[in-house]
Amino acid sequence: MKLELVIRNNINGDFSIVKTISEIKPGAFINIDWNGEKLMLPYSLRKDYLSFTDKKWDWRYQINQDGLVKEKNPTLYELKPSGVINKHNCEIAES
């Protein structure tokens, strides 16, 4: 799936755009425009992956064994109330 996204840090309300994954700070959020959905997901600290989630949608970057985030081909999970999880493999549009 193709999509557009912007990650922003929210330090003292400045909403600065994140240029590299290593710049993400607590309070960050991601805006995703995909398939008619406009999502704004807060950063969620996780052990094995970098995640932005609102408990309905979960945007994830895997972390490799070296502790580096795999920035290419993140995954968007759609978490249904029934417990079903839809996985959407992503291709980020060039800006």
C-alpha atoms as a PDB file:
ATOM      1  CA  MET A   1       0.000   0.000   0.000  1.00  0.00           C
ATOM      2  CA  LYS A   2       1.231   3.521  -0.730  1.00  0.00           C
ATOM      3  CA  LEU A   3       0.807   6.228   1.835  1.00  0.00           C
ATOM      4  CA  GLU A   4       2.070   9.571   3.028  1.00  0.00           C
ATOM      5  CA  LEU A   5       3.302  10.183   6.533  1.00  0.00           C
ATOM      6  CA  VAL A   6       4.893  12.799   8.753  1.00  0.00           C
ATOM      7  CA  ILE A   7       6.419  12.140  12.162  1.00  0.00           C
ATOM      8  CA  ARG A   8       6.551  15.058  14.596  1.00  0.00           C
ATOM      9  CA  ASN A   9       8.032  15.540  18.027  1.00  0.00           C
ATOM     10  CA  ASN A  10       5.914  17.481  20.478  1.00  0.00           C
ATOM     11  CA  ILE A  11       8.441  19.169  22.709  1.00  0.00           C
ATOM     12  CA  ASN A  12       6.825  22.209  24.357  1.00  0.00           C
ATOM     13  CA  GLY A  13       4.208  22.342  21.575  1.00  0.00           C
ATOM     14  CA  ASP A  14       6.661  23.015  18.721  1.00  0.00           C
ATOM     15  CA  PHE A  15       5.570  19.970  16.620  1.00  0.00           C
ATOM     16  CA  SER A  16       8.957  19.763  14.873  1.00  0.00           C
ATOM     17  CA  ILE A  17       9.178  17.365  11.919  1.00  0.00           C
ATOM     18  CA  VAL A  18      11.356  14.311  12.530  1.00  0.00           C
ATOM     19  CA  LYS A  19      13.891  13.841   9.732  1.00  0.00           C
ATOM     20  CA  THR A  20      15.402  10.556  11.005  1.00  0.00           C
ATOM     21  CA  ILE A  21      13.977   7.847  13.241  1.00  0.00           C
ATOM     22  CA  SER A  22      16.740   8.435  15.808  1.00  0.00           C
ATOM     23  CA  GLU A  23      15.270  11.928  16.481  1.00  0.00           C
ATOM     24  CA  ILE A  24      11.980  10.564  17.900  1.00  0.00           C
ATOM     25  CA  LYS A  25      11.295  11.708  21.464  1.00  0.00           C
ATOM     26  CA  PRO A  26       8.566  10.805  23.979  1.00  0.00           C
ATOM     27  CA  GLY A  27       5.457  12.784  23.027  1.00  0.00           C
ATOM     28  CA  ALA A  28       6.045  12.259  19.291  1.00  0.00           C
ATOM     29  CA  PHE A  29       3.207  11.333  16.952  1.00  0.00           C
ATOM     30  CA  ILE A  30       2.766  10.245  13.359  1.00  0.00           C
ATOM     31  CA  ASN A  31       0.252  11.543  10.799  1.00  0.00           C
ATOM     32  CA  ILE A  32      -0.662   8.965   8.161  1.00  0.00           C
ATOM     33  CA  ASP A  33      -2.750   9.582   5.038  1.00  0.00           C
ATOM     34  CA  TRP A  34      -3.668   6.216   3.560  1.00  0.00           C
ATOM     35  CA  ASN A  35      -6.580   4.902   1.537  1.00  0.00           C
ATOM     36  CA  GLY A  36      -8.974   7.633   2.693  1.00  0.00           C
ATOM     37  CA  GLU A  37      -7.903   7.243   6.324  1.00  0.00           C
ATOM     38  CA  LYS A  38      -6.232  10.167   8.060  1.00  0.00           C
ATOM     39  CA  LEU A  39      -4.588   8.846  11.203  1.00  0.00           C
ATOM     40  CA  MET A  40      -2.751  10.622  14.013  1.00  0.00           C
ATOM     41  CA  LEU A  41      -1.069   8.041  16.239  1.00  0.00           C
ATOM     42  CA  PRO A  42       0.974   8.763  19.386  1.00  0.00           C
ATOM     43  CA  TYR A  43       4.402   7.232  19.967  1.00  0.00           C
ATOM     44  CA  SER A  44       4.231   4.123  22.128  1.00  0.00           C
ATOM     45  CA  LEU A  45       7.332   2.747  23.841  1.00  0.00           C
ATOM     46  CA  ARG A  46       7.785  -0.956  23.032  1.00  0.00           C
ATOM     47  CA  LYS A  47      10.626  -3.418  23.499  1.00  0.00           C
ATOM     48  CA  ASP A  48      10.989  -5.143  20.115  1.00  0.00           C
ATOM     49  CA  TYR A  49       9.745  -2.468  17.743  1.00  0.00           C
ATOM     50  CA  LEU A  50       9.133   1.249  17.418  1.00  0.00           C
ATOM     51  CA  SER A  51       5.380   1.813  17.478  1.00  0.00           C
ATOM     52  CA  PHE A  52       2.756   4.517  17.124  1.00  0.00           C
ATOM     53  CA  THR A  53      -0.685   3.370  18.260  1.00  0.00           C
ATOM     54  CA  ASP A  54      -4.120   4.498  19.351  1.00  0.00           C
ATOM     55  CA  LYS A  55      -5.204   0.900  20.165  1.00  0.00           C
ATOM     56  CA  LYS A  56      -7.213   0.770  16.913  1.00  0.00           C
ATOM     57  CA  TRP A  57      -4.302   1.315  14.542  1.00  0.00           C
ATOM     58  CA  ASP A  58      -0.688   0.307  15.238  1.00  0.00           C
ATOM     59  CA  TRP A  59       2.163   1.542  12.988  1.00  0.00           C
ATOM     60  CA  ARG A  60       5.373  -0.448  13.594  1.00  0.00           C
ATOM     61  CA  TYR A  61       8.995  -0.381  12.586  1.00  0.00           C
ATOM     62  CA  GLN A  62      10.927  -3.546  13.441  1.00  0.00           C
ATOM     63  CA  ILE A  63      14.179  -3.263  15.398  1.00  0.00           C
ATOM     64  CA  ASN A  64      17.016  -5.521  14.240  1.00  0.00           C
ATOM     65  CA  GLN A  65      19.441  -7.467  16.444  1.00  0.00           C
ATOM     66  CA  ASP A  66      21.871  -4.516  16.460  1.00  0.00           C
ATOM     67  CA  GLY A  67      19.174  -2.307  18.013  1.00  0.00           C
ATOM     68  CA  LEU A  68      18.697  -0.291  14.808  1.00  0.00           C
ATOM     69  CA  VAL A  69      15.230   0.532  13.477  1.00  0.00           C
ATOM     70  CA  LYS A  70      14.373  -0.934  10.056  1.00  0.00           C
ATOM     71  CA  GLU A  71      12.919   2.185   8.413  1.00  0.00           C
ATOM     72  CA  LYS A  72      11.926   0.538   5.129  1.00  0.00           C
ATOM     73  CA  ASN A  73       8.674  -1.384   4.819  1.00  0.00           C
ATOM     74  CA  PRO A  74       6.966  -0.636   8.141  1.00  0.00           C
ATOM     75  CA  THR A  75       3.688  -2.381   8.944  1.00  0.00           C
ATOM     76  CA  LEU A  76       0.287  -0.914   9.788  1.00  0.00           C
ATOM     77  CA  TYR A  77      -1.965  -3.126  11.887  1.00  0.00           C
ATOM     78  CA  GLU A  78      -5.696  -2.533  12.086  1.00  0.00           C
ATOM     79  CA  LEU A  79      -6.970  -3.854  15.426  1.00  0.00           C
ATOM     80  CA  LYS A  80     -10.664  -4.813  15.220  1.00  0.00           C
ATOM     81  CA  PRO A  81     -12.945  -4.894  18.315  1.00  0.00           C
ATOM     82  CA  SER A  82     -13.575  -8.596  17.582  1.00  0.00           C
ATOM     83  CA  GLY A  83      -9.890  -9.326  18.172  1.00  0.00           C
ATOM     84  CA  VAL A  84      -9.109  -9.746  14.464  1.00  0.00           C
ATOM     85  CA  ILE A  85      -5.880  -8.028  13.406  1.00  0.00           C
ATOM     86  CA  ASN A  86      -5.487  -6.930   9.777  1.00  0.00           C
ATOM     87  CA  LYS A  87      -1.884  -6.473   8.668  1.00  0.00           C
ATOM     88  CA  HIS A  88      -1.101  -3.912   5.955  1.00  0.00           C
ATOM     89  CA  ASN A  89       2.436  -4.014   4.532  1.00  0.00           C
ATOM     90  CA  CYS A  90       3.500  -0.510   3.585  1.00  0.00           C
ATOM     91  CA  GLU A  91       5.472   1.222   0.876  1.00  0.00           C
ATOM     92  CA  ILE A  92       6.203   4.813   1.790  1.00  0.00           C
ATOM     93  CA  ALA A  93       5.582   7.328  -1.011  1.00  0.00           C
ATOM     94  CA  GLU A  94       8.549   9.492  -1.974  1.00  0.00           C
ATOM     95  CA  SER A  95       8.000  13.143  -1.126  1.00  0.00           C
END
